[in-house]
Amino acid sequence: MKALTRKTRIKLPPERSAPDISPDIPNLTATDDILMGPEVVVRDCIVENVVAHDCSLKSVILERCILRRVSFAQSRIASLSLKDVRLVECDFANAEANALKAVRVEFLNCRLTGFRAVEAEGKDLLISEGDAGYSQFRFGTFKTSEFNACNLGEADFHGSDLRGAILKGCELKNVDMTEAKLSGTDFRGSSVEGLAVHAADLKGAIVDPAQAMIFAELMGLKIC
């Protein structure tokens, strides 16, 4: 009689939806004034090479648009709403965005070093490449979101909801994920040495064999 075998199937996170942006949107001919406030609204266009750093903005709304090499570095944004937006090589270093809401948004090779967005609400969010070290996303929500090949070293995700998120090829050294919700979070391919997380937080997380060896110490396991 042949022995019965049962294959363990990993339930993969749902796929992220890309931004819904028309391929025919025009380039906006603008100066730096386009992003000066206190309230900024940009829709259905491409904005390139604009600097709005070290500003204090009451509200920024971006919808169905593409931003290339736009800088909000060191700015303070009281309310930031992004929907169907692609940001390429943009700069949010040491910026602060309260009440951040991002739906179908892509940050591609952007500088997010020290970016502060506590209690952010993200859905279908992609942060790919670039530097997001020392960023602060504590108590945020990230539904069907992806972090791809980016530096997240020293970032703060304490208490965040990362269920179903994908972190692939990321640097997670000294990242704080204590008390985060990580069921279904896919860590495979990322560097998790130095990741601050409680054993209970990892229940249901998806890891590769090398990561399992590292996390085993958190669980008090001895692997001989």
C-alpha atoms as a PDB file:
ATOM      1  CA  MET A   1       0.000   0.000   0.000  1.00  0.00           C
ATOM      2  CA  LYS A   2       1.341   3.386  -0.969  1.00  0.00           C
ATOM      3  CA  ALA A   3       1.663   5.946   1.752  1.00  0.00           C
ATOM      4  CA  LEU A   4      -0.578   8.953   1.348  1.00  0.00           C
ATOM      5  CA  THR A   5       1.161  12.287   1.105  1.00  0.00           C
ATOM      6  CA  ARG A   6      -0.350  15.689   1.533  1.00  0.00           C
ATOM      7  CA  LYS A   7       1.190  18.747  -0.054  1.00  0.00           C
ATOM      8  CA  THR A   8       1.133  21.901   1.972  1.00  0.00           C
ATOM      9  CA  ARG A   9      -0.160  24.735  -0.144  1.00  0.00           C
ATOM     10  CA  ILE A  10       0.780  28.296   0.595  1.00  0.00           C
ATOM     11  CA  LYS A  11      -2.089  30.698   0.248  1.00  0.00           C
ATOM     12  CA  LEU A  12      -0.559  33.532  -1.723  1.00  0.00           C
ATOM     13  CA  PRO A  13      -1.571  37.156  -1.131  1.00  0.00           C
ATOM     14  CA  PRO A  14      -4.108  38.637  -3.589  1.00  0.00           C
ATOM     15  CA  GLU A  15      -2.703  40.503  -6.579  1.00  0.00           C
ATOM     16  CA  ARG A  16      -2.232  44.240  -6.448  1.00  0.00           C
ATOM     17  CA  SER A  17      -4.186  46.445  -8.857  1.00  0.00           C
ATOM     18  CA  ALA A  18      -2.084  48.901 -10.873  1.00  0.00           C
ATOM     19  CA  PRO A  19      -2.981  52.606 -11.173  1.00  0.00           C
ATOM     20  CA  ASP A  20      -5.771  53.346 -13.647  1.00  0.00           C
ATOM     21  CA  ILE A  21      -4.100  56.075 -15.723  1.00  0.00           C
ATOM     22  CA  SER A  22      -5.012  56.985 -19.281  1.00  0.00           C
ATOM     23  CA  PRO A  23      -2.130  56.525 -21.772  1.00  0.00           C
ATOM     24  CA  ASP A  24      -3.118  59.799 -23.414  1.00  0.00           C
ATOM     25  CA  ILE A  25      -2.820  62.220 -20.502  1.00  0.00           C
ATOM     26  CA  PRO A  26      -0.990  65.431 -21.449  1.00  0.00           C
ATOM     27  CA  ASN A  27       2.189  66.901 -20.039  1.00  0.00           C
ATOM     28  CA  LEU A  28       1.374  69.837 -17.851  1.00  0.00           C
ATOM     29  CA  THR A  29       3.400  72.887 -18.755  1.00  0.00           C
ATOM     30  CA  ALA A  30       3.972  74.361 -15.346  1.00  0.00           C
ATOM     31  CA  THR A  31       6.352  76.095 -13.053  1.00  0.00           C
ATOM     32  CA  ASP A  32       6.998  75.291  -9.419  1.00  0.00           C
ATOM     33  CA  ASP A  33       3.840  77.252  -8.579  1.00  0.00           C
ATOM     34  CA  ILE A  34       1.675  74.273  -9.570  1.00  0.00           C
ATOM     35  CA  LEU A  35       2.489  72.602  -6.255  1.00  0.00           C
ATOM     36  CA  MET A  36       2.355  75.676  -4.093  1.00  0.00           C
ATOM     37  CA  GLY A  37      -0.501  75.834  -1.628  1.00  0.00           C
ATOM     38  CA  PRO A  38      -2.007  75.897   0.649  1.00  0.00           C
ATOM     39  CA  GLU A  39      -4.269  73.543  -1.348  1.00  0.00           C
ATOM     40  CA  VAL A  40      -3.029  71.598  -4.377  1.00  0.00           C
ATOM     41  CA  VAL A  41      -5.185  69.592  -6.795  1.00  0.00           C
ATOM     42  CA  VAL A  42      -3.643  67.825  -9.810  1.00  0.00           C
ATOM     43  CA  ARG A  43      -5.628  65.491 -12.064  1.00  0.00           C
ATOM     44  CA  ASP A  44      -5.220  63.717 -15.430  1.00  0.00           C
ATOM     45  CA  CYS A  45      -1.786  64.983 -16.422  1.00  0.00           C
ATOM     46  CA  ILE A  46       1.969  64.414 -16.265  1.00  0.00           C
ATOM     47  CA  VAL A  47       4.038  66.692 -14.029  1.00  0.00           C
ATOM     48  CA  GLU A  48       7.828  66.715 -14.342  1.00  0.00           C
ATOM     49  CA  ASN A  49      10.795  68.419 -12.692  1.00  0.00           C
ATOM     50  CA  VAL A  50       8.907  70.508 -10.137  1.00  0.00           C
ATOM     51  CA  VAL A  51      10.287  71.470  -6.727  1.00  0.00           C
ATOM     52  CA  ALA A  52       8.015  72.138  -3.754  1.00  0.00           C
ATOM     53  CA  HIS A  53      10.311  71.254  -0.892  1.00  0.00           C
ATOM     54  CA  ASP A  54      10.238  72.787   2.568  1.00  0.00           C
ATOM     55  CA  CYS A  55       6.619  73.888   2.150  1.00  0.00           C
ATOM     56  CA  SER A  56       3.635  73.820   4.482  1.00  0.00           C
ATOM     57  CA  LEU A  57       0.576  72.568   2.603  1.00  0.00           C
ATOM     58  CA  LYS A  58      -2.931  72.171   3.933  1.00  0.00           C
ATOM     59  CA  SER A  59      -4.102  69.666   1.336  1.00  0.00           C
ATOM     60  CA  VAL A  60      -2.637  67.831  -1.674  1.00  0.00           C
ATOM     61  CA  ILE A  61      -4.896  65.781  -3.965  1.00  0.00           C
ATOM     62  CA  LEU A  62      -3.365  63.842  -6.858  1.00  0.00           C
ATOM     63  CA  GLU A  63      -5.560  61.698  -9.114  1.00  0.00           C
ATOM     64  CA  ARG A  64      -4.957  59.783 -12.356  1.00  0.00           C
ATOM     65  CA  CYS A  65      -1.572  61.377 -12.946  1.00  0.00           C
ATOM     66  CA  ILE A  66       2.138  60.704 -13.281  1.00  0.00           C
ATOM     67  CA  LEU A  67       4.798  62.652 -11.388  1.00  0.00           C
ATOM     68  CA  ARG A  68       8.432  62.449 -12.463  1.00  0.00           C
ATOM     69  CA  ARG A  69      11.293  63.979 -10.485  1.00  0.00           C
ATOM     70  CA  VAL A  70       8.964  66.047  -8.301  1.00  0.00           C
ATOM     71  CA  SER A  71      10.244  67.058  -4.866  1.00  0.00           C
ATOM     72  CA  PHE A  72       8.227  67.446  -1.663  1.00  0.00           C
ATOM     73  CA  ALA A  73      11.339  67.038   0.485  1.00  0.00           C
ATOM     74  CA  GLN A  74      11.071  68.454   4.022  1.00  0.00           C
ATOM     75  CA  SER A  75       7.499  69.591   3.381  1.00  0.00           C
ATOM     76  CA  ARG A  76       4.603  69.294   5.803  1.00  0.00           C
ATOM     77  CA  ILE A  77       1.317  68.163   4.265  1.00  0.00           C
ATOM     78  CA  ALA A  78      -1.708  68.164   6.543  1.00  0.00           C
ATOM     79  CA  SER A  79      -3.740  65.942   4.198  1.00  0.00           C
ATOM     80  CA  LEU A  80      -2.311  63.906   1.296  1.00  0.00           C
ATOM     81  CA  SER A  81      -4.695  61.966  -0.970  1.00  0.00           C
ATOM     82  CA  LEU A  82      -3.344  59.881  -3.866  1.00  0.00           C
ATOM     83  CA  LYS A  83      -5.528  57.848  -6.224  1.00  0.00           C
ATOM     84  CA  ASP A  84      -4.327  56.185  -9.429  1.00  0.00           C
ATOM     85  CA  VAL A  85      -0.917  57.864  -9.282  1.00  0.00           C
ATOM     86  CA  ARG A  86       2.548  56.807 -10.452  1.00  0.00           C
ATOM     87  CA  LEU A  87       5.509  58.632  -8.903  1.00  0.00           C
ATOM     88  CA  VAL A  88       8.894  58.154 -10.573  1.00  0.00           C
ATOM     89  CA  GLU A  89      12.148  59.310  -8.953  1.00  0.00           C
ATOM     90  CA  CYS A  90      10.267  61.707  -6.682  1.00  0.00           C
ATOM     91  CA  ASP A  91      11.615  63.028  -3.400  1.00  0.00           C
ATOM     92  CA  PHE A  92       9.723  62.891  -0.086  1.00  0.00           C
ATOM     93  CA  ALA A  93      12.811  62.846   2.137  1.00  0.00           C
ATOM     94  CA  ASN A  94      12.028  64.059   5.671  1.00  0.00           C
ATOM     95  CA  ALA A  95       8.555  65.128   4.568  1.00  0.00           C
ATOM     96  CA  GLU A  96       5.537  64.662   6.814  1.00  0.00           C
ATOM     97  CA  ALA A  97       2.138  63.664   5.451  1.00  0.00           C
ATOM     98  CA  ASN A  98      -0.714  63.379   7.902  1.00  0.00           C
ATOM     99  CA  ALA A  99      -3.959  61.658   6.886  1.00  0.00           C
ATOM    100  CA  LEU A 100      -2.223  59.925   3.957  1.00  0.00           C
ATOM    101  CA  LYS A 101      -4.595  57.919   1.780  1.00  0.00           C
ATOM    102  CA  ALA A 102      -3.121  56.060  -1.191  1.00  0.00           C
ATOM    103  CA  VAL A 103      -5.198  53.889  -3.540  1.00  0.00           C
ATOM    104  CA  ARG A 104      -3.562  52.252  -6.564  1.00  0.00           C
ATOM    105  CA  VAL A 105      -0.332  54.197  -6.156  1.00  0.00           C
ATOM    106  CA  GLU A 106       3.212  53.346  -7.256  1.00  0.00           C
ATOM    107  CA  PHE A 107       6.406  54.872  -5.848  1.00  0.00           C
ATOM    108  CA  LEU A 108       9.143  53.878  -8.320  1.00  0.00           C
ATOM    109  CA  ASN A 109      12.745  54.546  -7.318  1.00  0.00           C
ATOM    110  CA  CYS A 110      11.635  57.381  -5.053  1.00  0.00           C
ATOM    111  CA  ARG A 111      13.472  58.870  -2.104  1.00  0.00           C
ATOM    112  CA  LEU A 112      11.383  58.298   1.019  1.00  0.00           C
ATOM    113  CA  THR A 113      14.176  58.587   3.571  1.00  0.00           C
ATOM    114  CA  GLY A 114      12.708  59.770   6.864  1.00  0.00           C
ATOM    115  CA  PHE A 115       9.241  60.162   5.345  1.00  0.00           C
ATOM    116  CA  ARG A 116       6.617  60.348   8.132  1.00  0.00           C
ATOM    117  CA  ALA A 117       3.116  59.076   7.417  1.00  0.00           C
ATOM    118  CA  VAL A 118       1.705  57.761  10.684  1.00  0.00           C
ATOM    119  CA  GLU A 119      -1.666  55.964  10.423  1.00  0.00           C
ATOM    120  CA  ALA A 120      -1.453  55.947   6.620  1.00  0.00           C
ATOM    121  CA  GLU A 121      -4.170  54.123   4.686  1.00  0.00           C
ATOM    122  CA  GLY A 122      -2.791  52.251   1.687  1.00  0.00           C
ATOM    123  CA  LYS A 123      -4.538  49.935  -0.777  1.00  0.00           C
ATOM    124  CA  ASP A 124      -2.868  48.492  -3.874  1.00  0.00           C
ATOM    125  CA  LEU A 125       0.271  50.428  -2.960  1.00  0.00           C
ATOM    126  CA  LEU A 126       3.690  49.667  -4.476  1.00  0.00           C
ATOM    127  CA  ILE A 127       7.006  50.978  -3.198  1.00  0.00           C
ATOM    128  CA  SER A 128       9.694  49.687  -5.566  1.00  0.00           C
ATOM    129  CA  GLU A 129      13.426  50.299  -5.276  1.00  0.00           C
ATOM    130  CA  GLY A 130      14.579  53.615  -3.880  1.00  0.00           C
ATOM    131  CA  ASP A 131      15.399  54.417  -0.264  1.00  0.00           C
ATOM    132  CA  ALA A 132      12.738  54.380   2.462  1.00  0.00           C
ATOM    133  CA  GLY A 133      15.139  54.068   5.367  1.00  0.00           C
ATOM    134  CA  TYR A 134      14.015  55.654   8.650  1.00  0.00           C
ATOM    135  CA  SER A 135      10.501  56.126   7.271  1.00  0.00           C
ATOM    136  CA  GLN A 136       7.612  56.070   9.757  1.00  0.00           C
ATOM    137  CA  PHE A 137       4.430  54.183   8.904  1.00  0.00           C
ATOM    138  CA  ARG A 138       3.389  53.115  12.410  1.00  0.00           C
ATOM    139  CA  PHE A 139      -0.260  52.120  12.864  1.00  0.00           C
ATOM    140  CA  GLY A 140      -0.747  52.203   9.091  1.00  0.00           C
ATOM    141  CA  THR A 141      -2.901  49.924   6.936  1.00  0.00           C
ATOM    142  CA  PHE A 142      -1.485  48.338   3.777  1.00  0.00           C
ATOM    143  CA  LYS A 143      -4.010  46.200   1.884  1.00  0.00           C
ATOM    144  CA  THR A 144      -2.798  44.245  -1.178  1.00  0.00           C
ATOM    145  CA  SER A 145       0.427  46.247  -1.091  1.00  0.00           C
ATOM    146  CA  GLU A 146       3.968  45.462  -2.220  1.00  0.00           C
ATOM    147  CA  PHE A 147       7.444  46.566  -1.173  1.00  0.00           C
ATOM    148  CA  ASN A 148       9.941  45.534  -3.832  1.00  0.00           C
ATOM    149  CA  ALA A 149      13.755  45.737  -3.707  1.00  0.00           C
ATOM    150  CA  CYS A 150      13.800  48.820  -1.505  1.00  0.00           C
ATOM    151  CA  ASN A 151      15.758  49.802   1.563  1.00  0.00           C
ATOM    152  CA  LEU A 152      13.466  49.951   4.603  1.00  0.00           C
ATOM    153  CA  GLY A 153      16.251  49.878   7.172  1.00  0.00           C
ATOM    154  CA  GLU A 154      15.289  51.457  10.511  1.00  0.00           C
ATOM    155  CA  ALA A 155      11.700  52.024   9.293  1.00  0.00           C
ATOM    156  CA  ASP A 156       8.819  52.004  11.779  1.00  0.00           C
ATOM    157  CA  PHE A 157       5.782  49.798  11.082  1.00  0.00           C
ATOM    158  CA  HIS A 158       4.832  49.332  14.726  1.00  0.00           C
ATOM    159  CA  GLY A 159       1.189  48.314  15.059  1.00  0.00           C
ATOM    160  CA  SER A 160       0.599  48.397  11.301  1.00  0.00           C
ATOM    161  CA  ASP A 161      -1.727  46.096   9.374  1.00  0.00           C
ATOM    162  CA  LEU A 162       0.446  44.350   6.773  1.00  0.00           C
ATOM    163  CA  ARG A 163      -1.768  41.318   6.277  1.00  0.00           C
ATOM    164  CA  GLY A 164      -1.291  39.989   2.756  1.00  0.00           C
ATOM    165  CA  ALA A 165       1.471  42.476   1.903  1.00  0.00           C
ATOM    166  CA  ILE A 166       4.485  41.340  -0.142  1.00  0.00           C
ATOM    167  CA  LEU A 167       8.017  42.340   0.871  1.00  0.00           C
ATOM    168  CA  LYS A 168      10.402  41.008  -1.776  1.00  0.00           C
ATOM    169  CA  GLY A 169      14.108  41.740  -1.952  1.00  0.00           C
ATOM    170  CA  CYS A 170      13.903  44.405   0.760  1.00  0.00           C
ATOM    171  CA  GLU A 171      16.389  45.371   3.456  1.00  0.00           C
ATOM    172  CA  LEU A 172      14.583  45.094   6.809  1.00  0.00           C
ATOM    173  CA  LYS A 173      17.460  45.644   9.234  1.00  0.00           C
ATOM    174  CA  ASN A 174      16.224  47.171  12.490  1.00  0.00           C
ATOM    175  CA  VAL A 175      12.722  47.657  11.083  1.00  0.00           C
ATOM    176  CA  ASP A 176      10.132  47.823  13.884  1.00  0.00           C
ATOM    177  CA  MET A 177       7.176  45.528  13.188  1.00  0.00           C
ATOM    178  CA  THR A 178       6.278  44.847  16.798  1.00  0.00           C
ATOM    179  CA  GLU A 179       2.544  44.359  17.339  1.00  0.00           C
ATOM    180  CA  ALA A 180       1.994  44.477  13.568  1.00  0.00           C
ATOM    181  CA  LYS A 181      -0.573  42.222  11.880  1.00  0.00           C
ATOM    182  CA  LEU A 182       1.456  39.894   9.659  1.00  0.00           C
ATOM    183  CA  SER A 183      -0.857  37.009   8.783  1.00  0.00           C
ATOM    184  CA  GLY A 184      -0.283  36.250   5.096  1.00  0.00           C
ATOM    185  CA  THR A 185       2.566  38.760   4.851  1.00  0.00           C
ATOM    186  CA  ASP A 186       5.119  37.387   2.363  1.00  0.00           C
ATOM    187  CA  PHE A 187       8.698  38.047   3.502  1.00  0.00           C
ATOM    188  CA  ARG A 188      10.374  35.655   1.048  1.00  0.00           C
ATOM    189  CA  GLY A 189      13.516  37.040  -0.549  1.00  0.00           C
ATOM    190  CA  SER A 190      13.990  39.902   1.912  1.00  0.00           C
ATOM    191  CA  SER A 191      16.772  40.339   4.446  1.00  0.00           C
ATOM    192  CA  VAL A 192      15.130  39.918   7.862  1.00  0.00           C
ATOM    193  CA  GLU A 193      18.186  39.880  10.125  1.00  0.00           C
ATOM    194  CA  GLY A 194      17.686  42.504  12.806  1.00  0.00           C
ATOM    195  CA  LEU A 195      13.938  42.796  12.174  1.00  0.00           C
ATOM    196  CA  ALA A 196      12.205  43.738  15.424  1.00  0.00           C
ATOM    197  CA  VAL A 197       9.107  41.572  15.767  1.00  0.00           C
ATOM    198  CA  HIS A 198       7.434  39.442  18.409  1.00  0.00           C
ATOM    199  CA  ALA A 199       7.015  35.720  17.905  1.00  0.00           C
ATOM    200  CA  ALA A 200       3.237  36.051  18.193  1.00  0.00           C
ATOM    201  CA  ASP A 201       3.216  38.695  15.452  1.00  0.00           C
ATOM    202  CA  LEU A 202       4.630  36.197  12.936  1.00  0.00           C
ATOM    203  CA  LYS A 203       1.711  33.780  13.129  1.00  0.00           C
ATOM    204  CA  GLY A 204       0.584  33.079   9.558  1.00  0.00           C
ATOM    205  CA  ALA A 205       3.467  34.956   7.910  1.00  0.00           C
ATOM    206  CA  ILE A 206       5.063  33.462   4.771  1.00  0.00           C
ATOM    207  CA  VAL A 207       8.834  32.960   5.004  1.00  0.00           C
ATOM    208  CA  ASP A 208      11.543  31.026   3.162  1.00  0.00           C
ATOM    209  CA  PRO A 209      13.726  28.360   4.840  1.00  0.00           C
ATOM    210  CA  ALA A 210      16.603  30.742   5.563  1.00  0.00           C
ATOM    211  CA  GLN A 211      14.237  33.223   7.212  1.00  0.00           C
ATOM    212  CA  ALA A 212      12.639  30.440   9.219  1.00  0.00           C
ATOM    213  CA  MET A 213      16.034  29.677  10.761  1.00  0.00           C
ATOM    214  CA  ILE A 214      16.368  33.318  11.843  1.00  0.00           C
ATOM    215  CA  PHE A 215      12.837  33.584  13.215  1.00  0.00           C
ATOM    216  CA  ALA A 216      13.208  30.270  15.056  1.00  0.00           C
ATOM    217  CA  GLU A 217      15.304  32.027  17.689  1.00  0.00           C
ATOM    218  CA  LEU A 218      12.370  34.315  18.456  1.00  0.00           C
ATOM    219  CA  MET A 219      10.242  31.276  19.113  1.00  0.00           C
ATOM    220  CA  GLY A 220      12.798  29.678  21.394  1.00  0.00           C
ATOM    221  CA  LEU A 221      13.512  26.823  18.984  1.00  0.00           C
ATOM    222  CA  LYS A 222      16.864  25.059  18.892  1.00  0.00           C
ATOM    223  CA  ILE A 223      17.759  23.679  15.474  1.00  0.00           C
ATOM    224  CA  CYS A 224      20.402  20.962  15.579  1.00  0.00           C
END
